[in-house]
Amino acid sequence: MGIQDAESQAQSAKIRPIDSKGRGDDDAASSFKNVQVGRDNLSIALPPHDTYEGKHRWDPTAEWTPQEERQVVLKTDIWLLSWLCVMFFGLQLDRGNLSNALADKFLDNLNMTGDHLNNGQTIQLLGFLAAEFPVQFLTKRYGFRRVLPIMMFSWGVVSFAQAWITDINGFYITRAFIGLCEGGFIPGTILYATYFYTSKELSVRLAVFWSTLNVARVISALLAAGILKMRGTGGHPGWSWLFLIEGLLTVVLAIISFLYLPASPTNTTGPLFRKPWYTERQEVIVINRILRDDPSKGMTALKEPMTWADVKNTWSDRSTWGIYFIGLVAYIPASPVQGYLTLTLNRIGFTTFDSNMLTIPSAALQIITMLALAYSSDFFNERTFHCVFGELWIMPLLIALITLPDGGREWSRFSLITLISGYPYFHPIVSSWLSENTFDIKKRAIAAATYNVIVQVGSLISSQIYRNYDKPYYHQSNKVLVAICALSLVAFFVQRHVLVSMNKKKEEQWNQMTEEEKSHYQNDINARSEDGNKRLDFRFAI
């Protein structure tokens, strides 16, 4: 919600004392005027629950200047966002080093083929999927500041243990444990960030998260270029040193994270911070700007446990089904091309060093395109067509890759692969879109986990598309990717149509109510807690 909206609400709230339902003791008719719809117009009618960690800073009459708000957001970016990016860096470092290891005869040393590699990635994804929901329950029970660093420490240990694998079985076992340790980390981190940022700020911040993954790809490539030259040192191959060094780095980052992360916006002290991040004045701004944007964040405590009834309620919400299907298919078209980038470059004649260095342009390109797309999405407050743009970027490039003749033309092939791998990744926009359209925090956590599980199922599918019989140019496989790309475009337009229709039906029913009925309806806190985004005054973002 903008500052002007917040100020207008604050002015109206200062006219009279606020009762338990957020209404004054003036003539009742005055509360029936100017009843507005939309999540960001409900904060006066929805005071935070007593268990909410920031309740003592809630003040519906609070006012602040745009400059004060910018200072608070900047401080949050510096202290929280920057470190979450460091943690994401550790995640990608251990997820992506396998791709770098492939350029150092990893498959040959373990007597493996590309199909074995696909099987290992599938096993990792299955472990990832198995951990998603348990992790969301754990974060809501024990808090983000504990669960996230412990997960990071665990996958770091498994990652450096890969240095000692000698056969296919060891590869499969370590892949399984890495998946189990990493599963749930991304949706947990996203939910954690929502307690510090408004919905309109989230897309860009999530894009920064995923940009960190691309920065990690660049740094990982640079590290790999040097570390892989250690082949023979201590009698070990270069990829062994790669897993060891990068895994130990992740362990160190995990220990620092355990000491660094705050419990909540109003509890930022810890072993590394004896003084709070924010002044009392800034805490008031942090809490009230968040609750005015999304009052549902104050309806539960950060550590309030979830139940299976919450899961059932989330899964029965048909407004999210289209997003889940998008998560299944939308990222498949570019994934095999990205995953096989170094191996493909190596097979078409580039050296190990060159193959790793040539991954940098695609990573740098995706940072630029992803941030630009996310910023545009937030600026225009639009989701569907921005995601469609990202999908349309891929399709003609895949078609060009299919039609490119075999043999030679290495730089043409490299250019196409780089452009596909550097496409404007719209995953942050879709994640933010899902968060906007789920009102209840517990529902948001479960929906995020469900979405991420389905995205990983899509990754599992994508890991099986490039097959040995089709290498090194994968013409048949790329035709499959084009078909899936077309399916994804259809899915986006169908989801948009569904949400527009649902908003229209709500609007029709809402307009049939009197102003008095609307006011009483908005102030029914118990019903709102139960119905969430099904309420007539809630509008879905499209």
Protein backbone atom coordinates (compact mmCIF):
# COMPACT_ATOMS: atom_id res chain seq x y z
CA MET A 1 0.00 0.00 0.00
CA GLY A 2 1.26 3.47 -0.80
CA ILE A 3 2.12 6.13 1.81
CA GLN A 4 -0.86 8.28 0.84
CA ASP A 5 -3.25 5.37 1.43
CA ALA A 6 -1.62 4.62 4.77
CA GLU A 7 -1.83 8.27 5.79
CA SER A 8 -5.50 8.54 4.85
CA GLN A 9 -6.27 5.48 6.96
CA ALA A 10 -4.23 6.87 9.82
CA GLN A 11 -6.07 10.23 9.68
CA SER A 12 -9.46 8.53 9.77
CA ALA A 13 -8.31 6.33 12.66
CA LYS A 14 -7.20 9.41 14.69
CA ILE A 15 -10.74 10.86 14.72
CA ARG A 16 -12.00 8.56 17.47
CA PRO A 17 -10.86 5.77 19.84
CA ILE A 18 -10.63 2.34 18.24
CA ASP A 19 -12.80 -0.47 19.58
CA SER A 20 -12.13 -4.22 19.38
CA LYS A 21 -13.29 -4.31 15.79
CA GLY A 22 -11.28 -1.29 14.69
CA ARG A 23 -14.34 1.07 14.68
CA GLY A 24 -14.89 4.27 16.62
CA ASP A 25 -17.76 5.25 18.92
CA ASP A 26 -19.11 7.96 16.60
CA ASP A 27 -22.46 7.64 14.95
CA ALA A 28 -22.49 4.15 13.35
CA ALA A 29 -23.45 5.56 9.99
CA SER A 30 -20.07 7.25 9.62
CA SER A 31 -18.36 3.85 9.64
CA PHE A 32 -20.53 2.73 6.73
CA LYS A 33 -19.05 5.34 4.39
CA ASN A 34 -16.19 4.72 1.99
CA VAL A 35 -16.04 0.97 2.58
CA GLN A 36 -13.28 -0.21 0.25
CA VAL A 37 -12.26 -3.58 -1.07
CA GLY A 38 -8.80 -5.13 -1.37
CA ARG A 39 -6.40 -6.56 1.16
CA ASP A 40 -4.60 -3.24 1.72
CA ASN A 41 -7.83 -1.55 2.84
CA LEU A 42 -8.60 -3.94 5.70
CA SER A 43 -6.01 -3.05 8.35
CA ILE A 44 -8.30 -0.84 10.47
CA ALA A 45 -10.88 -3.65 10.69
CA LEU A 46 -8.24 -6.29 11.50
CA PRO A 47 -6.08 -5.53 14.54
CA PRO A 48 -3.22 -8.02 15.09
CA HIS A 49 -3.69 -11.01 17.34
CA ASP A 50 -2.32 -10.82 20.88
CA THR A 51 0.26 -13.52 20.05
CA TYR A 52 1.73 -11.53 17.15
CA GLU A 53 5.32 -10.60 17.97
CA GLY A 54 4.90 -7.00 16.80
CA LYS A 55 1.58 -6.30 18.55
CA HIS A 56 3.22 -3.85 20.97
CA ARG A 57 4.29 -1.70 18.00
CA TRP A 58 0.89 -1.70 16.24
CA ASP A 59 -0.60 1.77 16.05
CA PRO A 60 -3.39 2.51 13.54
CA THR A 61 -2.77 6.25 14.05
CA ALA A 62 0.96 6.06 13.24
CA GLU A 63 2.25 8.33 10.51
CA TRP A 64 5.63 8.54 8.81
CA THR A 65 7.25 10.29 5.90
CA PRO A 66 8.30 8.61 2.65
CA GLN A 67 11.92 9.32 3.59
CA GLU A 68 11.53 7.50 6.92
CA GLU A 69 10.02 4.51 5.14
CA ARG A 70 12.84 4.45 2.60
CA GLN A 71 15.35 4.43 5.44
CA VAL A 72 13.61 1.45 7.06
CA VAL A 73 13.47 -0.47 3.77
CA LEU A 74 17.13 0.32 3.06
CA LYS A 75 18.15 -0.90 6.51
CA THR A 76 16.17 -4.10 5.96
CA ASP A 77 17.82 -4.59 2.57
CA ILE A 78 21.28 -4.09 4.06
CA TRP A 79 20.91 -6.27 7.14
CA LEU A 80 18.39 -8.94 6.14
CA LEU A 81 18.22 -9.16 2.34
CA SER A 82 21.99 -9.14 1.91
CA TRP A 83 22.48 -12.06 4.29
CA LEU A 84 19.59 -14.06 2.87
CA CYS A 85 21.36 -13.62 -0.47
CA VAL A 86 24.53 -15.02 1.09
CA MET A 87 22.53 -18.05 2.25
CA PHE A 88 21.05 -18.45 -1.23
CA PHE A 89 24.60 -18.28 -2.54
CA GLY A 90 25.47 -21.25 -0.35
CA LEU A 91 22.42 -23.10 -1.65
CA GLN A 92 23.33 -22.62 -5.29
CA LEU A 93 27.01 -23.32 -4.66
CA ASP A 94 26.19 -26.84 -3.53
CA ARG A 95 23.37 -27.38 -6.02
CA GLY A 96 25.36 -26.18 -9.02
CA ASN A 97 28.84 -27.55 -8.42
CA LEU A 98 27.84 -30.87 -9.97
CA SER A 99 27.47 -29.08 -13.30
CA ASN A 100 31.01 -27.75 -12.94
CA ALA A 101 32.31 -31.18 -11.92
CA LEU A 102 31.01 -32.65 -15.18
CA ALA A 103 33.67 -30.71 -17.06
CA ASP A 104 36.40 -32.60 -15.11
CA LYS A 105 35.64 -36.16 -16.27
CA PHE A 106 33.31 -36.74 -13.31
CA LEU A 107 31.17 -39.22 -15.23
CA ASP A 108 34.19 -41.11 -16.58
CA ASN A 109 35.85 -41.36 -13.17
CA LEU A 110 32.75 -42.96 -11.64
CA ASN A 111 31.97 -45.09 -14.70
CA MET A 112 28.70 -43.26 -15.20
CA THR A 113 26.69 -42.15 -18.23
CA GLY A 114 24.37 -39.21 -18.77
CA ASP A 115 21.45 -41.46 -17.83
CA HIS A 116 23.07 -42.19 -14.45
CA LEU A 117 23.44 -38.44 -14.00
CA ASN A 118 19.74 -37.97 -14.73
CA ASN A 119 18.87 -40.70 -12.23
CA GLY A 120 20.98 -39.01 -9.55
CA GLN A 121 19.28 -35.69 -10.16
CA THR A 122 15.92 -37.44 -9.95
CA ILE A 123 16.87 -39.02 -6.62
CA GLN A 124 17.94 -35.60 -5.33
CA LEU A 125 14.61 -34.11 -6.36
CA LEU A 126 12.68 -36.90 -4.66
CA GLY A 127 14.55 -36.18 -1.44
CA PHE A 128 13.87 -32.49 -1.97
CA LEU A 129 10.15 -33.17 -2.36
CA ALA A 130 10.01 -35.41 0.71
CA ALA A 131 11.39 -32.62 2.93
CA GLU A 132 9.26 -29.71 1.69
CA PHE A 133 6.23 -30.00 3.97
CA PRO A 134 8.01 -31.22 7.12
CA VAL A 135 10.31 -28.20 6.89
CA GLN A 136 7.35 -25.77 6.74
CA PHE A 137 5.90 -27.36 9.86
CA LEU A 138 9.29 -27.09 11.57
CA THR A 139 9.81 -23.42 10.66
CA LYS A 140 6.38 -22.50 12.01
CA ARG A 141 7.04 -24.51 15.18
CA TYR A 142 10.66 -23.60 16.00
CA GLY A 143 11.24 -20.40 14.03
CA PHE A 144 13.12 -19.47 10.89
CA ARG A 145 16.29 -18.32 12.65
CA ARG A 146 16.95 -21.85 13.89
CA VAL A 147 15.63 -24.14 11.18
CA LEU A 148 17.14 -22.43 8.11
CA PRO A 149 20.78 -22.39 9.34
CA ILE A 150 20.53 -25.99 10.55
CA MET A 151 19.37 -27.05 7.10
CA MET A 152 22.24 -25.14 5.53
CA PHE A 153 24.79 -26.77 7.84
CA SER A 154 23.40 -30.22 7.00
CA TRP A 155 23.59 -29.92 3.22
CA GLY A 156 27.05 -28.37 3.50
CA VAL A 157 28.30 -31.44 5.37
CA VAL A 158 26.81 -33.78 2.76
CA SER A 159 28.21 -31.65 -0.04
CA PHE A 160 31.82 -31.88 1.13
CA ALA A 161 31.30 -35.60 1.82
CA GLN A 162 30.88 -36.01 -1.95
CA ALA A 163 34.65 -35.56 -2.21
CA TRP A 164 35.05 -39.21 -1.18
CA ILE A 165 32.49 -40.90 -3.45
CA THR A 166 33.99 -43.61 -5.65
CA ASP A 167 31.05 -45.20 -7.46
CA ILE A 168 27.48 -44.80 -8.63
CA ASN A 169 26.01 -45.89 -5.29
CA GLY A 170 27.90 -43.17 -3.43
CA PHE A 171 26.70 -40.64 -5.97
CA TYR A 172 23.08 -41.70 -5.52
CA ILE A 173 23.29 -41.66 -1.70
CA THR A 174 24.81 -38.18 -1.48
CA ARG A 175 22.31 -36.83 -4.01
CA ALA A 176 19.46 -38.17 -1.86
CA PHE A 177 20.77 -36.55 1.33
CA ILE A 178 21.47 -33.22 -0.35
CA GLY A 179 17.87 -33.19 -1.56
CA LEU A 180 16.56 -34.03 1.91
CA CYS A 181 18.64 -31.28 3.51
CA GLU A 182 17.76 -28.58 0.95
CA GLY A 183 14.04 -29.31 0.59
CA GLY A 184 11.86 -26.53 2.02
CA PHE A 185 14.66 -23.98 2.29
CA ILE A 186 13.45 -21.75 -0.54
CA PRO A 187 9.75 -21.44 0.46
CA GLY A 188 10.83 -21.08 4.10
CA THR A 189 13.13 -18.19 3.21
CA ILE A 190 10.44 -16.55 1.08
CA LEU A 191 7.88 -16.75 3.90
CA TYR A 192 10.48 -15.37 6.33
CA ALA A 193 11.05 -12.36 4.04
CA THR A 194 7.30 -11.58 3.87
CA TYR A 195 7.40 -10.55 7.54
CA PHE A 196 9.78 -7.71 6.63
CA TYR A 197 8.52 -6.57 3.20
CA THR A 198 5.22 -5.47 1.68
CA SER A 199 3.69 -7.42 -1.19
CA LYS A 200 4.65 -4.74 -3.73
CA GLU A 201 8.29 -4.95 -2.65
CA LEU A 202 8.46 -8.73 -2.67
CA SER A 203 8.89 -9.48 -6.39
CA VAL A 204 12.03 -7.39 -6.71
CA ARG A 205 13.48 -8.82 -3.48
CA LEU A 206 12.80 -12.36 -4.64
CA ALA A 207 14.40 -11.49 -7.96
CA VAL A 208 17.45 -10.36 -6.00
CA PHE A 209 17.43 -13.75 -4.23
CA TRP A 210 17.42 -15.62 -7.51
CA SER A 211 19.94 -13.22 -8.96
CA THR A 212 22.20 -14.40 -6.17
CA LEU A 213 21.86 -17.89 -7.58
CA ASN A 214 23.21 -16.59 -10.86
CA VAL A 215 25.98 -14.71 -9.10
CA ALA A 216 26.79 -18.04 -7.46
CA ARG A 217 26.91 -19.62 -10.93
CA VAL A 218 29.47 -17.03 -11.99
CA ILE A 219 31.58 -17.33 -8.83
CA SER A 220 31.23 -21.11 -8.89
CA ALA A 221 32.49 -21.16 -12.47
CA LEU A 222 35.47 -19.00 -11.51
CA LEU A 223 36.22 -21.15 -8.47
CA ALA A 224 35.81 -24.33 -10.50
CA ALA A 225 38.20 -23.04 -13.16
CA GLY A 226 40.92 -22.82 -10.53
CA ILE A 227 40.00 -25.71 -8.21
CA LEU A 228 39.64 -28.26 -11.01
CA LYS A 229 43.29 -27.63 -11.87
CA MET A 230 44.11 -29.32 -8.56
CA ARG A 231 43.46 -32.69 -10.25
CA GLY A 232 46.11 -35.10 -8.99
CA THR A 233 46.82 -33.12 -5.81
CA GLY A 234 46.82 -35.62 -2.94
CA GLY A 235 45.88 -38.28 -5.46
CA HIS A 236 42.37 -36.87 -5.86
CA PRO A 237 40.59 -35.60 -8.99
CA GLY A 238 39.78 -31.92 -9.33
CA TRP A 239 36.06 -32.44 -8.79
CA SER A 240 36.81 -34.01 -5.39
CA TRP A 241 38.55 -30.82 -4.25
CA LEU A 242 35.66 -28.80 -5.69
CA PHE A 243 33.07 -30.59 -3.54
CA LEU A 244 35.28 -30.41 -0.44
CA ILE A 245 36.15 -26.72 -0.59
CA GLU A 246 32.70 -25.45 -1.56
CA GLY A 247 30.98 -27.71 0.97
CA LEU A 248 33.18 -26.44 3.81
CA LEU A 249 32.46 -22.85 2.75
CA THR A 250 28.72 -23.55 3.09
CA VAL A 251 29.22 -25.00 6.57
CA VAL A 252 31.00 -21.81 7.68
CA LEU A 253 28.19 -19.65 6.26
CA ALA A 254 25.61 -21.80 8.08
CA ILE A 255 27.30 -21.27 11.45
CA ILE A 256 27.39 -17.50 10.91
CA SER A 257 23.71 -17.57 9.84
CA PHE A 258 22.73 -19.29 13.08
CA LEU A 259 24.24 -16.37 14.99
CA TYR A 260 23.02 -13.68 12.59
CA LEU A 261 19.35 -14.12 11.68
CA PRO A 262 16.71 -12.19 13.67
CA ALA A 263 13.65 -13.85 15.18
CA SER A 264 11.26 -11.12 13.99
CA PRO A 265 11.27 -7.43 12.99
CA THR A 266 10.96 -6.45 16.66
CA ASN A 267 13.48 -9.02 17.92
CA THR A 268 16.68 -8.49 15.95
CA THR A 269 19.23 -8.83 18.75
CA GLY A 270 21.44 -11.92 19.01
CA PRO A 271 25.04 -13.11 19.52
CA LEU A 272 26.28 -10.87 16.69
CA PHE A 273 23.94 -7.93 17.38
CA ARG A 274 23.70 -6.63 20.93
CA LYS A 275 21.65 -3.65 19.78
CA PRO A 276 18.43 -3.91 17.71
CA TRP A 277 18.56 -3.22 13.96
CA TYR A 278 15.76 -0.67 14.24
CA THR A 279 15.02 2.16 16.66
CA GLU A 280 11.64 2.07 18.44
CA ARG A 281 10.33 4.58 15.92
CA GLN A 282 11.54 2.43 13.04
CA GLU A 283 9.97 -0.69 14.58
CA VAL A 284 6.62 1.13 14.60
CA ILE A 285 7.09 1.93 10.92
CA VAL A 286 8.17 -1.63 10.05
CA ILE A 287 5.22 -3.26 11.79
CA ASN A 288 2.49 -0.84 10.68
CA ARG A 289 3.58 -0.63 7.03
CA ILE A 290 3.54 -4.43 6.87
CA LEU A 291 0.13 -4.79 8.56
CA ARG A 292 -1.47 -2.02 6.51
CA ASP A 293 -0.31 -3.77 3.36
CA ASP A 294 -1.37 -7.21 4.57
CA PRO A 295 -3.20 -7.41 7.94
CA SER A 296 -3.22 -11.23 7.76
CA LYS A 297 0.44 -11.20 8.87
CA GLY A 298 -0.71 -10.07 12.30
CA MET A 299 -3.33 -12.79 12.69
CA THR A 300 -0.82 -15.46 13.80
CA ALA A 301 2.51 -15.62 15.59
CA LEU A 302 5.63 -16.50 13.63
CA LYS A 303 5.96 -19.73 15.59
CA GLU A 304 2.29 -20.73 15.60
CA PRO A 305 2.14 -24.41 14.53
CA MET A 306 0.21 -25.52 11.45
CA THR A 307 -2.27 -28.39 11.34
CA TRP A 308 -3.37 -30.83 8.66
CA ALA A 309 -6.68 -28.96 8.55
CA ASP A 310 -4.68 -25.96 7.31
CA VAL A 311 -3.20 -28.17 4.59
CA LYS A 312 -6.64 -29.37 3.51
CA ASN A 313 -7.97 -25.81 3.44
CA THR A 314 -5.03 -24.68 1.29
CA TRP A 315 -5.28 -27.50 -1.21
CA SER A 316 -9.02 -26.95 -1.69
CA ASP A 317 -8.49 -23.34 -2.80
CA ARG A 318 -9.05 -23.46 -6.56
CA SER A 319 -7.63 -19.95 -7.08
CA THR A 320 -4.16 -21.47 -6.62
CA TRP A 321 -4.56 -24.56 -8.81
CA GLY A 322 -3.53 -22.76 -11.98
CA ILE A 323 -0.40 -21.41 -10.28
CA TYR A 324 0.52 -24.95 -9.26
CA PHE A 325 0.17 -26.17 -12.84
CA ILE A 326 2.26 -23.23 -14.04
CA GLY A 327 4.92 -24.28 -11.54
CA LEU A 328 4.86 -27.77 -13.01
CA VAL A 329 5.45 -26.85 -16.65
CA ALA A 330 6.65 -23.25 -17.01
CA TYR A 331 10.30 -23.75 -16.06
CA ILE A 332 10.89 -27.01 -17.91
CA PRO A 333 11.73 -25.53 -21.35
CA ALA A 334 14.98 -23.86 -20.23
CA SER A 335 16.04 -26.27 -17.45
CA PRO A 336 17.70 -29.05 -19.53
CA VAL A 337 19.57 -26.47 -21.60
CA GLN A 338 20.87 -24.81 -18.42
CA GLY A 339 21.70 -28.06 -16.64
CA TYR A 340 23.69 -29.46 -19.55
CA LEU A 341 25.41 -26.19 -20.45
CA THR A 342 28.97 -27.12 -19.45
CA LEU A 343 28.61 -30.71 -20.64
CA THR A 344 27.22 -29.59 -24.01
CA LEU A 345 30.00 -27.05 -24.46
CA ASN A 346 32.57 -29.70 -23.54
CA ARG A 347 31.12 -32.17 -26.03
CA ILE A 348 31.13 -29.73 -28.92
CA GLY A 349 34.83 -29.07 -28.50
CA PHE A 350 35.46 -26.53 -25.75
CA THR A 351 38.08 -27.27 -23.06
CA THR A 352 37.21 -27.76 -19.38
CA PHE A 353 38.36 -24.23 -18.53
CA ASP A 354 36.54 -22.65 -21.47
CA SER A 355 33.34 -24.59 -20.72
CA ASN A 356 33.21 -23.23 -17.19
CA MET A 357 34.10 -19.69 -18.26
CA LEU A 358 31.44 -19.73 -20.97
CA THR A 359 28.68 -20.26 -18.37
CA ILE A 360 29.30 -16.76 -17.02
CA PRO A 361 27.59 -14.76 -19.83
CA SER A 362 24.27 -16.63 -19.41
CA ALA A 363 24.33 -16.12 -15.63
CA ALA A 364 25.07 -12.41 -16.02
CA LEU A 365 22.35 -12.04 -18.65
CA GLN A 366 19.76 -13.70 -16.45
CA ILE A 367 20.56 -11.39 -13.53
CA ILE A 368 19.81 -8.38 -15.74
CA THR A 369 16.68 -9.78 -17.41
CA MET A 370 15.21 -11.18 -14.19
CA LEU A 371 15.65 -7.97 -12.18
CA ALA A 372 14.28 -5.86 -15.02
CA LEU A 373 11.21 -8.07 -15.39
CA ALA A 374 10.53 -8.13 -11.63
CA TYR A 375 10.92 -4.35 -11.35
CA SER A 376 8.53 -3.85 -14.26
CA SER A 377 6.03 -6.26 -12.71
CA ASP A 378 6.05 -4.35 -9.42
CA PHE A 379 5.96 -0.96 -11.15
CA PHE A 380 2.92 -1.82 -13.27
CA ASN A 381 1.42 -4.11 -10.59
CA GLU A 382 0.88 -6.83 -13.21
CA ARG A 383 1.84 -10.49 -13.15
CA THR A 384 0.46 -12.58 -16.05
CA PHE A 385 1.85 -10.79 -19.08
CA HIS A 386 5.27 -10.35 -17.51
CA CYS A 387 5.50 -14.11 -17.01
CA VAL A 388 4.26 -14.67 -20.57
CA PHE A 389 7.08 -12.45 -21.82
CA GLY A 390 9.61 -14.68 -20.06
CA GLU A 391 8.12 -17.80 -21.63
CA LEU A 392 7.96 -16.25 -25.09
CA TRP A 393 11.66 -15.41 -24.84
CA ILE A 394 12.51 -19.12 -24.83
CA MET A 395 10.36 -20.53 -27.63
CA PRO A 396 11.96 -18.99 -30.76
CA LEU A 397 15.43 -19.73 -29.40
CA LEU A 398 14.58 -23.40 -28.92
CA ILE A 399 13.20 -23.54 -32.46
CA ALA A 400 16.43 -21.98 -33.75
CA LEU A 401 18.45 -24.56 -31.81
CA ILE A 402 16.44 -27.36 -33.42
CA THR A 403 16.94 -26.03 -36.93
CA LEU A 404 20.68 -25.36 -36.52
CA PRO A 405 22.61 -27.94 -38.60
CA ASP A 406 24.76 -30.52 -36.80
CA GLY A 407 28.52 -30.09 -36.71
CA GLY A 408 30.45 -26.84 -36.58
CA ARG A 409 28.75 -23.51 -35.86
CA GLU A 410 29.98 -23.76 -32.24
CA TRP A 411 29.63 -20.05 -31.56
CA SER A 412 26.13 -19.92 -33.03
CA ARG A 413 25.13 -22.85 -30.84
CA PHE A 414 26.81 -21.25 -27.83
CA SER A 415 24.93 -17.97 -28.46
CA LEU A 416 21.55 -19.73 -28.57
CA ILE A 417 22.28 -21.79 -25.46
CA THR A 418 23.43 -18.65 -23.63
CA LEU A 419 20.28 -16.71 -24.58
CA ILE A 420 18.04 -19.59 -23.47
CA SER A 421 19.91 -20.01 -20.18
CA GLY A 422 19.80 -16.24 -19.60
CA TYR A 423 16.04 -15.87 -20.12
CA PRO A 424 14.12 -13.54 -17.76
CA TYR A 425 13.41 -16.02 -14.97
CA PHE A 426 9.89 -15.23 -13.74
CA HIS A 427 9.86 -17.63 -10.79
CA PRO A 428 10.15 -14.68 -8.31
CA ILE A 429 7.08 -13.06 -9.88
CA VAL A 430 5.01 -16.24 -9.68
CA SER A 431 6.10 -16.82 -6.06
CA SER A 432 5.10 -13.27 -5.16
CA TRP A 433 1.85 -13.69 -7.10
CA LEU A 434 0.97 -16.78 -5.06
CA SER A 435 1.83 -14.96 -1.83
CA GLU A 436 -0.43 -12.03 -2.76
CA ASN A 437 -3.39 -14.27 -3.47
CA THR A 438 -3.27 -16.30 -0.25
CA PHE A 439 -4.56 -14.25 2.67
CA ASP A 440 -3.78 -16.42 5.69
CA ILE A 441 -0.12 -16.81 6.74
CA LYS A 442 -0.41 -20.54 7.41
CA LYS A 443 -2.10 -20.98 4.06
CA ARG A 444 0.65 -18.93 2.46
CA ALA A 445 3.33 -21.21 3.95
CA ILE A 446 1.58 -24.36 2.79
CA ALA A 447 0.80 -22.93 -0.65
CA ALA A 448 4.44 -21.88 -1.09
CA ALA A 449 5.62 -25.37 -0.11
CA THR A 450 3.07 -26.99 -2.42
CA TYR A 451 4.10 -24.76 -5.28
CA ASN A 452 7.77 -25.48 -4.70
CA VAL A 453 7.12 -29.23 -4.54
CA ILE A 454 5.35 -29.03 -7.88
CA VAL A 455 8.18 -26.92 -9.34
CA GLN A 456 10.59 -29.65 -8.26
CA VAL A 457 8.36 -32.27 -9.91
CA GLY A 458 8.74 -30.18 -13.04
CA SER A 459 12.50 -30.23 -12.51
CA LEU A 460 12.32 -34.00 -12.16
CA ILE A 461 10.52 -34.19 -15.51
CA SER A 462 13.04 -31.83 -17.10
CA SER A 463 15.96 -33.95 -15.87
CA GLN A 464 14.67 -36.88 -17.92
CA ILE A 465 14.15 -35.04 -21.22
CA TYR A 466 17.75 -34.97 -22.50
CA ARG A 467 18.63 -38.63 -23.16
CA ASN A 468 21.82 -40.33 -24.30
CA TYR A 469 20.38 -41.49 -27.63
CA ASP A 470 19.69 -37.86 -28.60
CA LYS A 471 23.09 -36.32 -27.77
CA PRO A 472 24.97 -34.15 -28.44
CA TYR A 473 22.44 -31.83 -30.12
CA TYR A 474 19.19 -33.16 -28.57
CA HIS A 475 16.96 -32.31 -31.52
CA GLN A 476 14.06 -34.56 -30.45
CA SER A 477 14.33 -33.43 -26.85
CA ASN A 478 14.22 -29.76 -27.85
CA LYS A 479 11.02 -30.39 -29.83
CA VAL A 480 9.47 -31.68 -26.60
CA LEU A 481 10.61 -28.49 -24.86
CA VAL A 482 8.92 -26.33 -27.51
CA ALA A 483 5.63 -28.19 -26.97
CA ILE A 484 5.87 -27.72 -23.20
CA CYS A 485 6.62 -24.03 -23.74
CA ALA A 486 3.39 -23.67 -25.73
CA LEU A 487 1.47 -25.49 -22.97
CA SER A 488 2.89 -23.07 -20.40
CA LEU A 489 1.64 -20.06 -22.35
CA VAL A 490 -1.86 -21.53 -22.42
CA ALA A 491 -1.69 -22.16 -18.66
CA PHE A 492 -0.90 -18.52 -17.92
CA PHE A 493 -3.84 -17.22 -19.92
CA VAL A 494 -6.23 -19.77 -18.38
CA GLN A 495 -5.12 -18.79 -14.85
CA ARG A 496 -5.61 -15.13 -15.62
CA HIS A 497 -9.10 -15.81 -16.97
CA VAL A 498 -10.00 -17.79 -13.83
CA LEU A 499 -8.86 -15.01 -11.47
CA VAL A 500 -10.59 -12.28 -13.51
CA SER A 501 -13.83 -14.30 -13.42
CA MET A 502 -13.57 -14.85 -9.66
CA ASN A 503 -12.98 -11.14 -9.05
CA LYS A 504 -15.94 -10.26 -11.27
CA LYS A 505 -18.28 -12.58 -9.36
CA LYS A 506 -17.12 -11.12 -6.04
CA GLU A 507 -17.66 -7.60 -7.36
CA GLU A 508 -21.20 -8.41 -8.46
CA GLN A 509 -22.14 -9.82 -5.04
CA TRP A 510 -20.39 -6.98 -3.22
CA ASN A 511 -22.26 -4.31 -5.19
CA GLN A 512 -25.60 -5.88 -4.21
CA MET A 513 -24.89 -5.15 -0.52
CA THR A 514 -25.78 -1.91 1.26
CA GLU A 515 -23.05 0.26 2.81
CA GLU A 516 -24.16 -0.89 6.26
CA GLU A 517 -23.95 -4.56 5.23
CA LYS A 518 -20.51 -3.99 3.72
CA SER A 519 -19.24 -2.38 6.92
CA HIS A 520 -20.50 -5.19 9.15
CA TYR A 521 -19.15 -7.74 6.68
CA GLN A 522 -15.66 -6.19 6.73
CA ASN A 523 -15.55 -6.10 10.51
CA ASP A 524 -16.47 -9.76 11.01
CA ILE A 525 -12.98 -10.83 12.11
CA ASN A 526 -13.83 -14.44 12.92
CA ALA A 527 -15.38 -15.05 9.50
CA ARG A 528 -12.42 -13.37 7.79
CA SER A 529 -9.98 -15.58 9.65
CA GLU A 530 -11.89 -18.64 8.46
CA ASP A 531 -12.64 -17.54 4.86
CA GLY A 532 -9.40 -15.71 3.99
CA ASN A 533 -9.18 -14.95 0.27
CA LYS A 534 -12.73 -16.22 -0.31
CA ARG A 535 -14.15 -13.05 1.24
CA LEU A 536 -16.08 -10.77 -1.10
CA ASP A 537 -13.86 -7.76 -0.33
CA PHE A 538 -10.64 -9.61 -1.24
CA ARG A 539 -9.41 -9.19 -4.80
CA PHE A 540 -6.97 -11.51 -6.54
CA ALA A 541 -3.90 -10.02 -8.17
CA ILE A 542 -3.66 -10.81 -11.89
